[in-house]
C-alpha atoms as a PDB file:
ATOM      1  CA  UNK A   1     -71.500 112.070-199.642  1.00  0.00           C
ATOM      2  CA  UNK A   2     -68.683 109.958-198.153  1.00  0.00           C
ATOM      3  CA  UNK A   3     -68.267 112.437-195.319  1.00  0.00           C
ATOM      4  CA  UNK A   4     -71.883 111.911-194.295  1.00  0.00           C
ATOM      5  CA  UNK A   5     -70.758 108.693-192.627  1.00  0.00           C
ATOM      6  CA  UNK A   6     -70.731 105.008-193.346  1.00  0.00           C
ATOM      7  CA  UNK A   7     -74.304 104.458-192.170  1.00  0.00           C
ATOM      8  CA  UNK A   8     -75.621 107.058-194.633  1.00  0.00           C
ATOM      9  CA  UNK A   9     -73.520 105.725-197.500  1.00  0.00           C
ATOM     10  CA  UNK A  10     -74.550 102.137-196.862  1.00  0.00           C
ATOM     11  CA  UNK A  11     -78.182 103.246-196.884  1.00  0.00           C
ATOM     12  CA  UNK A  12     -77.604 104.777-200.348  1.00  0.00           C
ATOM     13  CA  UNK A  13     -76.257 101.412-201.559  1.00  0.00           C
ATOM     14  CA  UNK A  14     -79.312  99.591-200.219  1.00  0.00           C
ATOM     15  CA  UNK A  15     -81.739 102.097-201.745  1.00  0.00           C
ATOM     16  CA  UNK A  16     -79.967 101.995-205.095  1.00  0.00           C
ATOM     17  CA  UNK A  17     -80.556  98.243-205.243  1.00  0.00           C
ATOM     18  CA  UNK A  18     -84.282  98.795-204.718  1.00  0.00           C
ATOM     19  CA  UNK A  19     -84.440 101.373-207.534  1.00  0.00           C
ATOM     20  CA  UNK A  20     -82.482  99.483-210.178  1.00  0.00           C
ATOM     21  CA  UNK A  21     -84.167  97.344-212.813  1.00  0.00           C
ATOM     22  CA  UNK A  22     -83.071  93.767-213.340  1.00  0.00           C
ATOM     23  CA  UNK A  23     -79.520  93.734-214.777  1.00  0.00           C
ATOM     24  CA  UNK A  24     -79.124  97.366-213.699  1.00  0.00           C
ATOM     25  CA  UNK A  25     -75.596  98.335-212.732  1.00  0.00           C
ATOM     26  CA  UNK A  26     -74.350 100.416-209.815  1.00  0.00           C
ATOM     27  CA  UNK A  27     -70.915 102.047-210.032  1.00  0.00           C
ATOM     28  CA  UNK A  28     -68.986 103.560-207.165  1.00  0.00           C
ATOM     29  CA  UNK A  29     -65.663 105.422-207.098  1.00  0.00           C
ATOM     30  CA  UNK A  30     -64.094 105.484-203.660  1.00  0.00           C
ATOM     31  CA  UNK A  31     -60.683 106.018-202.128  1.00  0.00           C
ATOM     32  CA  UNK A  32     -59.010 103.285-200.131  1.00  0.00           C
ATOM     33  CA  UNK A  33     -58.729 105.610-197.132  1.00  0.00           C
ATOM     34  CA  UNK A  34     -62.473 106.310-197.256  1.00  0.00           C
ATOM     35  CA  UNK A  35     -63.457 102.668-196.926  1.00  0.00           C
ATOM     36  CA  UNK A  36     -63.114 100.964-200.297  1.00  0.00           C
ATOM     37  CA  UNK A  37     -62.828  97.516-198.717  1.00  0.00           C
ATOM     38  CA  UNK A  38     -65.860  97.942-196.444  1.00  0.00           C
ATOM     39  CA  UNK A  39     -67.820  99.353-199.397  1.00  0.00           C
ATOM     40  CA  UNK A  40     -66.866  96.329-201.462  1.00  0.00           C
ATOM     41  CA  UNK A  41     -68.085  94.009-198.696  1.00  0.00           C
ATOM     42  CA  UNK A  42     -71.340  95.959-198.313  1.00  0.00           C
ATOM     43  CA  UNK A  43     -72.036  95.898-202.059  1.00  0.00           C
ATOM     44  CA  UNK A  44     -71.424  92.142-202.080  1.00  0.00           C
ATOM     45  CA  UNK A  45     -73.902  91.822-199.219  1.00  0.00           C
ATOM     46  CA  UNK A  46     -76.572  94.004-200.877  1.00  0.00           C
ATOM     47  CA  UNK A  47     -76.179  92.928-204.517  1.00  0.00           C
ATOM     48  CA  UNK A  48     -74.622  89.500-204.099  1.00  0.00           C
ATOM     49  CA  UNK A  49     -71.687  90.623-206.228  1.00  0.00           C
ATOM     50  CA  UNK A  50     -69.090  93.362-206.549  1.00  0.00           C
ATOM     51  CA  UNK A  51     -66.370  93.650-209.162  1.00  0.00           C
ATOM     52  CA  UNK A  52     -63.284  95.825-208.897  1.00  0.00           C
ATOM     53  CA  UNK A  53     -63.338  97.481-212.325  1.00  0.00           C
ATOM     54  CA  UNK A  54     -60.099  99.348-211.698  1.00  0.00           C
ATOM     55  CA  UNK A  55     -57.779 100.130-208.818  1.00  0.00           C
ATOM     56  CA  UNK A  56     -55.260 102.937-209.243  1.00  0.00           C
ATOM     57  CA  UNK A  57     -53.452 105.417-206.983  1.00  0.00           C
ATOM     58  CA  UNK A  58     -55.634 104.724-203.963  1.00  0.00           C
ATOM     59  CA  UNK A  59     -58.947 104.813-205.853  1.00  0.00           C
ATOM     60  CA  UNK A  60     -61.280 101.929-206.562  1.00  0.00           C
ATOM     61  CA  UNK A  61     -63.980 101.763-209.206  1.00  0.00           C
ATOM     62  CA  UNK A  62     -66.517  99.177-208.082  1.00  0.00           C
ATOM     63  CA  UNK A  63     -69.455  97.766-210.018  1.00  0.00           C
ATOM     64  CA  UNK A  64     -72.384  95.705-208.796  1.00  0.00           C
ATOM     65  CA  UNK A  65     -75.268  94.360-210.854  1.00  0.00           C
ATOM     66  CA  UNK A  66     -78.826  93.619-209.798  1.00  0.00           C
ATOM     67  CA  UNK A  67     -79.320  90.062-211.012  1.00  0.00           C
ATOM     68  CA  UNK A  68     -82.803  89.288-209.668  1.00  0.00           C
END
């Protein structure tokens, strides 16, 4: 879905927050060149947190948790 555009992807992040139960976790694997840093910022905005689980060879694994 990354090629659908940033607006579409960010909408998926926002909708995932709405569908998760409390303490539910959202994972994302994304390449640096496809916007890993902007995704990390967006997840921090939506969830209030975002952890880099692993970063290797241009890929990021990001995790956010719904805490409310």
